[in-house]
Structures are given as structure tokens and as C-alpha cells.
């Protein structure tokens, strides 16, 4: 018999509860189903990044050829390199 999940007044209260509780005591994960969330966008965090001006100008030229913002192209390049590094070892 699984424990009953309490009612929460706030999201913070629920977050606190789950950070200290073992979910298997409350949920039967063997009954779970895989779910696709195609419209879910990953959360982003703003950072400050110093790059040489020439590098930024070259990035803008390359991005213009693809008709995308240079910041988007930079994210693509970073993502590709991160994926390459993670999967090469």
C-alpha cells in the first residue's frame, strides 16, 4: 500500500516535500508511461561572455548566410561541440 500524497498549499511547499521524500513510497513507477512533450522549451540562463570583436563579426557573417541570429548560431556551435566532446570518450 502506497502512502497518500499530501495536499500542498504552495509550489515551494511541494518542492520541499519531494526534496526530502522518496517518491517510490508514494508512486508506483512500474505503471508509468513514457511521455513526449514536444512544445516544452528548455529553460535558459543569461550569461555574459566576452569574445573578440573580430570573432563576433565573423560569427555574424556566418549566421547571415544561414539567415539566423548570430546568438543562435553560437548556441548551435556550442551544442555540437559539447555533444562531440561528451560522446568521443
N, C-alpha and C. Protein backbone atom coordinates (compact mmCIF):
# COMPACT_ATOMS: atom_id res chain seq x y z
N UNK A 1 0.85 -1.19 0.00
CA UNK A 1 0.00 0.00 0.00
C UNK A 1 0.88 1.24 0.00
N UNK A 2 0.65 2.10 -0.96
CA UNK A 2 1.43 3.33 -1.09
C UNK A 2 0.87 4.41 -0.17
N UNK A 3 1.78 5.27 0.26
CA UNK A 3 1.37 6.40 1.10
C UNK A 3 0.59 7.41 0.26
N UNK A 4 -0.27 8.14 0.92
CA UNK A 4 -1.05 9.17 0.22
C UNK A 4 -0.23 10.45 0.11
N UNK A 5 -0.25 11.04 -1.09
CA UNK A 5 0.47 12.29 -1.32
C UNK A 5 -0.32 13.42 -0.64
N UNK A 6 0.33 14.20 0.18
CA UNK A 6 -0.37 15.28 0.87
C UNK A 6 -0.79 16.40 -0.10
N UNK A 7 -1.75 17.20 0.34
CA UNK A 7 -2.14 18.38 -0.42
C UNK A 7 -1.19 19.51 -0.07
N UNK A 8 -0.78 20.24 -1.08
CA UNK A 8 0.18 21.33 -0.87
C UNK A 8 -0.49 22.67 -1.13
N UNK A 9 -0.14 23.63 -0.31
CA UNK A 9 -0.70 24.97 -0.46
C UNK A 9 0.09 25.76 -1.51
N UNK A 10 1.40 25.57 -1.51
CA UNK A 10 2.26 26.31 -2.44
C UNK A 10 3.20 25.36 -3.16
N UNK A 11 3.74 25.84 -4.26
CA UNK A 11 4.72 25.08 -5.00
C UNK A 11 5.99 24.87 -4.18
N UNK A 12 6.37 25.88 -3.42
CA UNK A 12 7.55 25.77 -2.56
C UNK A 12 7.36 24.66 -1.53
N UNK A 13 6.17 24.56 -0.99
CA UNK A 13 5.87 23.51 -0.01
C UNK A 13 6.00 22.13 -0.65
N UNK A 14 5.48 22.00 -1.86
CA UNK A 14 5.58 20.72 -2.57
C UNK A 14 7.04 20.40 -2.91
N UNK A 15 7.77 21.39 -3.37
CA UNK A 15 9.18 21.20 -3.70
C UNK A 15 9.96 20.73 -2.48
N UNK A 16 9.69 21.33 -1.35
CA UNK A 16 10.35 20.95 -0.09
C UNK A 16 10.02 19.51 0.27
N UNK A 17 8.75 19.15 0.14
CA UNK A 17 8.32 17.79 0.46
C UNK A 17 9.05 16.76 -0.40
N UNK A 18 9.07 16.97 -1.74
CA UNK A 18 9.67 15.99 -2.63
C UNK A 18 11.19 15.96 -2.51
N UNK A 19 11.79 17.04 -2.08
CA UNK A 19 13.24 17.03 -1.90
C UNK A 19 13.67 16.15 -0.72
N UNK A 20 12.73 15.87 0.19
CA UNK A 20 13.04 15.07 1.37
C UNK A 20 12.33 13.72 1.39
N UNK A 21 11.55 13.44 0.34
CA UNK A 21 10.76 12.21 0.33
C UNK A 21 11.21 11.28 -0.79
N UNK A 22 10.99 10.02 -0.58
CA UNK A 22 11.28 9.01 -1.59
C UNK A 22 10.01 8.76 -2.39
N UNK A 23 10.04 9.09 -3.67
CA UNK A 23 8.82 9.01 -4.49
C UNK A 23 8.24 7.61 -4.59
N UNK A 24 9.09 6.58 -4.49
CA UNK A 24 8.59 5.21 -4.61
C UNK A 24 7.67 4.82 -3.45
N UNK A 25 7.72 5.58 -2.38
CA UNK A 25 6.80 5.32 -1.27
C UNK A 25 5.40 5.84 -1.58
N UNK A 26 5.29 6.68 -2.60
CA UNK A 26 4.02 7.32 -2.92
C UNK A 26 3.49 6.95 -4.31
N UNK A 27 4.40 6.59 -5.20
CA UNK A 27 4.01 6.32 -6.58
C UNK A 27 4.51 4.95 -7.03
N UNK A 28 3.70 4.30 -7.85
CA UNK A 28 4.09 3.02 -8.43
C UNK A 28 4.65 3.31 -9.83
N UNK A 29 5.97 3.44 -9.90
CA UNK A 29 6.61 3.82 -11.16
C UNK A 29 6.52 2.73 -12.22
N UNK A 30 6.20 1.50 -11.83
CA UNK A 30 6.07 0.44 -12.83
C UNK A 30 4.84 0.66 -13.71
N UNK A 31 3.93 1.49 -13.25
CA UNK A 31 2.72 1.82 -14.02
C UNK A 31 2.88 3.09 -14.85
N UNK A 32 4.05 3.69 -14.80
CA UNK A 32 4.26 4.96 -15.52
C UNK A 32 4.37 4.71 -17.02
N UNK A 33 4.10 5.75 -17.78
CA UNK A 33 4.18 5.69 -19.23
C UNK A 33 5.12 6.79 -19.70
N UNK A 34 5.88 6.48 -20.74
CA UNK A 34 6.77 7.47 -21.32
C UNK A 34 5.93 8.52 -22.03
N UNK A 35 6.34 9.77 -21.88
CA UNK A 35 5.55 10.85 -22.44
C UNK A 35 6.45 11.78 -23.23
N UNK A 36 5.96 12.25 -24.36
CA UNK A 36 6.69 13.21 -25.18
C UNK A 36 6.07 14.59 -24.97
N UNK A 37 6.93 15.58 -24.75
CA UNK A 37 6.47 16.96 -24.59
C UNK A 37 7.16 17.82 -25.66
N UNK A 38 6.66 17.76 -26.89
CA UNK A 38 7.36 18.40 -28.00
C UNK A 38 7.43 19.93 -27.92
N UNK A 39 6.52 20.55 -27.21
CA UNK A 39 6.50 22.01 -27.15
C UNK A 39 7.19 22.57 -25.92
N UNK A 40 7.79 21.69 -25.14
CA UNK A 40 8.47 22.13 -23.94
C UNK A 40 9.82 22.73 -24.31
N UNK A 41 10.03 23.96 -23.92
CA UNK A 41 11.28 24.64 -24.23
C UNK A 41 12.21 24.57 -23.03
N UNK A 42 13.48 24.27 -23.27
CA UNK A 42 14.41 24.21 -22.14
C UNK A 42 14.57 25.59 -21.51
N UNK A 43 14.72 25.62 -20.23
CA UNK A 43 14.93 26.90 -19.56
C UNK A 43 16.31 27.42 -19.93
N UNK A 44 16.43 28.71 -20.00
CA UNK A 44 17.70 29.32 -20.37
C UNK A 44 18.17 30.24 -19.25
N UNK A 45 19.44 30.51 -19.27
CA UNK A 45 20.04 31.40 -18.29
C UNK A 45 20.90 32.40 -19.03
N UNK A 46 20.74 33.64 -18.71
CA UNK A 46 21.51 34.70 -19.34
C UNK A 46 22.92 34.73 -18.74
N UNK A 47 23.92 34.79 -19.64
CA UNK A 47 25.30 34.88 -19.19
C UNK A 47 25.98 36.03 -19.92
N UNK A 48 27.07 36.45 -19.39
CA UNK A 48 27.90 37.46 -20.06
C UNK A 48 29.13 36.74 -20.58
N UNK A 49 29.42 36.95 -21.86
CA UNK A 49 30.53 36.25 -22.50
C UNK A 49 31.34 37.26 -23.29
N UNK A 50 32.60 37.36 -22.97
CA UNK A 50 33.49 38.29 -23.69
C UNK A 50 34.17 37.54 -24.83
N UNK A 51 33.96 38.07 -26.04
CA UNK A 51 34.58 37.49 -27.23
C UNK A 51 35.30 38.60 -28.00
N UNK A 52 36.34 38.25 -28.72
CA UNK A 52 36.99 39.25 -29.56
C UNK A 52 35.99 39.80 -30.60
N UNK A 53 36.07 41.09 -30.86
CA UNK A 53 35.14 41.70 -31.81
C UNK A 53 35.19 41.03 -33.16
N UNK A 54 36.39 40.67 -33.62
CA UNK A 54 36.53 40.02 -34.92
C UNK A 54 35.77 38.69 -34.96
N UNK A 55 35.81 37.95 -33.86
CA UNK A 55 35.10 36.67 -33.79
C UNK A 55 33.59 36.90 -33.91
N UNK A 56 33.10 37.93 -33.26
CA UNK A 56 31.68 38.24 -33.31
C UNK A 56 31.29 38.64 -34.74
N UNK A 57 32.11 39.44 -35.39
CA UNK A 57 31.83 39.86 -36.76
C UNK A 57 31.82 38.66 -37.71
N UNK A 58 32.77 37.76 -37.54
CA UNK A 58 32.80 36.56 -38.37
C UNK A 58 31.59 35.67 -38.10
N UNK A 59 31.20 35.57 -36.86
CA UNK A 59 30.01 34.80 -36.49
C UNK A 59 28.77 35.40 -37.14
N UNK A 60 28.69 36.72 -37.16
CA UNK A 60 27.55 37.41 -37.79
C UNK A 60 27.50 37.12 -39.29
N UNK A 61 28.66 37.09 -39.94
CA UNK A 61 28.72 36.78 -41.37
C UNK A 61 28.20 35.37 -41.62
N UNK A 62 28.69 34.42 -40.83
CA UNK A 62 28.25 33.03 -40.99
C UNK A 62 26.76 32.87 -40.69
N UNK A 63 26.29 33.55 -39.66
CA UNK A 63 24.87 33.47 -39.29
C UNK A 63 24.00 34.08 -40.39
N UNK A 64 24.48 35.16 -40.98
CA UNK A 64 23.72 35.81 -42.06
C UNK A 64 23.54 34.87 -43.24
N UNK A 65 24.56 34.05 -43.53
CA UNK A 65 24.47 33.07 -44.62
C UNK A 65 23.37 32.04 -44.36
N UNK A 66 23.13 31.76 -43.09
CA UNK A 66 22.09 30.80 -42.71
C UNK A 66 20.76 31.48 -42.40
N UNK A 67 20.77 32.80 -42.42
CA UNK A 67 19.59 33.61 -42.12
C UNK A 67 19.05 33.34 -40.70
N UNK A 68 19.98 33.30 -39.76
CA UNK A 68 19.62 33.14 -38.35
C UNK A 68 20.40 34.16 -37.53
N UNK A 69 19.92 34.49 -36.33
CA UNK A 69 20.67 35.40 -35.46
C UNK A 69 22.01 34.78 -35.06
N UNK A 70 23.02 35.62 -34.90
CA UNK A 70 24.34 35.09 -34.58
C UNK A 70 24.38 34.41 -33.22
N UNK A 71 23.53 34.87 -32.29
CA UNK A 71 23.48 34.20 -30.98
C UNK A 71 22.98 32.75 -31.14
N UNK A 72 22.03 32.56 -32.04
CA UNK A 72 21.51 31.21 -32.29
C UNK A 72 22.59 30.32 -32.90
N UNK A 73 23.36 30.89 -33.82
CA UNK A 73 24.44 30.12 -34.42
C UNK A 73 25.48 29.75 -33.37
N UNK A 74 25.78 30.67 -32.50
CA UNK A 74 26.73 30.38 -31.42
C UNK A 74 26.23 29.23 -30.55
N UNK A 75 24.93 29.22 -30.24
CA UNK A 75 24.36 28.11 -29.45
C UNK A 75 24.46 26.78 -30.21
N UNK A 76 24.25 26.84 -31.52
CA UNK A 76 24.37 25.62 -32.33
C UNK A 76 25.80 25.08 -32.27
N UNK A 77 26.77 25.98 -32.47
CA UNK A 77 28.17 25.57 -32.43
C UNK A 77 28.54 25.00 -31.07
N UNK A 78 28.11 25.66 -30.01
CA UNK A 78 28.41 25.16 -28.66
C UNK A 78 27.78 23.80 -28.42
N UNK A 79 26.54 23.66 -28.83
CA UNK A 79 25.83 22.40 -28.65
C UNK A 79 26.52 21.26 -29.39
N UNK A 80 26.91 21.53 -30.64
CA UNK A 80 27.59 20.50 -31.43
C UNK A 80 28.92 20.10 -30.80
N UNK A 81 29.69 21.07 -30.33
CA UNK A 81 30.98 20.78 -29.74
C UNK A 81 30.83 20.04 -28.40
N UNK A 82 29.87 20.45 -27.61
CA UNK A 82 29.62 19.78 -26.33
C UNK A 82 29.23 18.31 -26.59
N UNK A 83 28.32 18.11 -27.55
CA UNK A 83 27.89 16.75 -27.88
C UNK A 83 29.06 15.92 -28.37
N UNK A 84 29.88 16.50 -29.22
CA UNK A 84 31.06 15.81 -29.74
C UNK A 84 32.01 15.41 -28.62
N UNK A 85 32.28 16.32 -27.71
CA UNK A 85 33.19 16.05 -26.59
C UNK A 85 32.63 14.99 -25.65
N UNK A 86 31.35 15.05 -25.38
CA UNK A 86 30.74 14.10 -24.45
C UNK A 86 30.70 12.69 -25.03
N UNK A 87 30.54 12.58 -26.33
CA UNK A 87 30.39 11.26 -26.94
C UNK A 87 31.68 10.71 -27.54
N UNK A 88 32.75 11.44 -27.45
CA UNK A 88 34.01 10.94 -28.01
C UNK A 88 34.83 10.14 -27.00
N UNK A 89 34.41 10.12 -25.77
CA UNK A 89 35.20 9.42 -24.74
C UNK A 89 34.53 8.14 -24.34
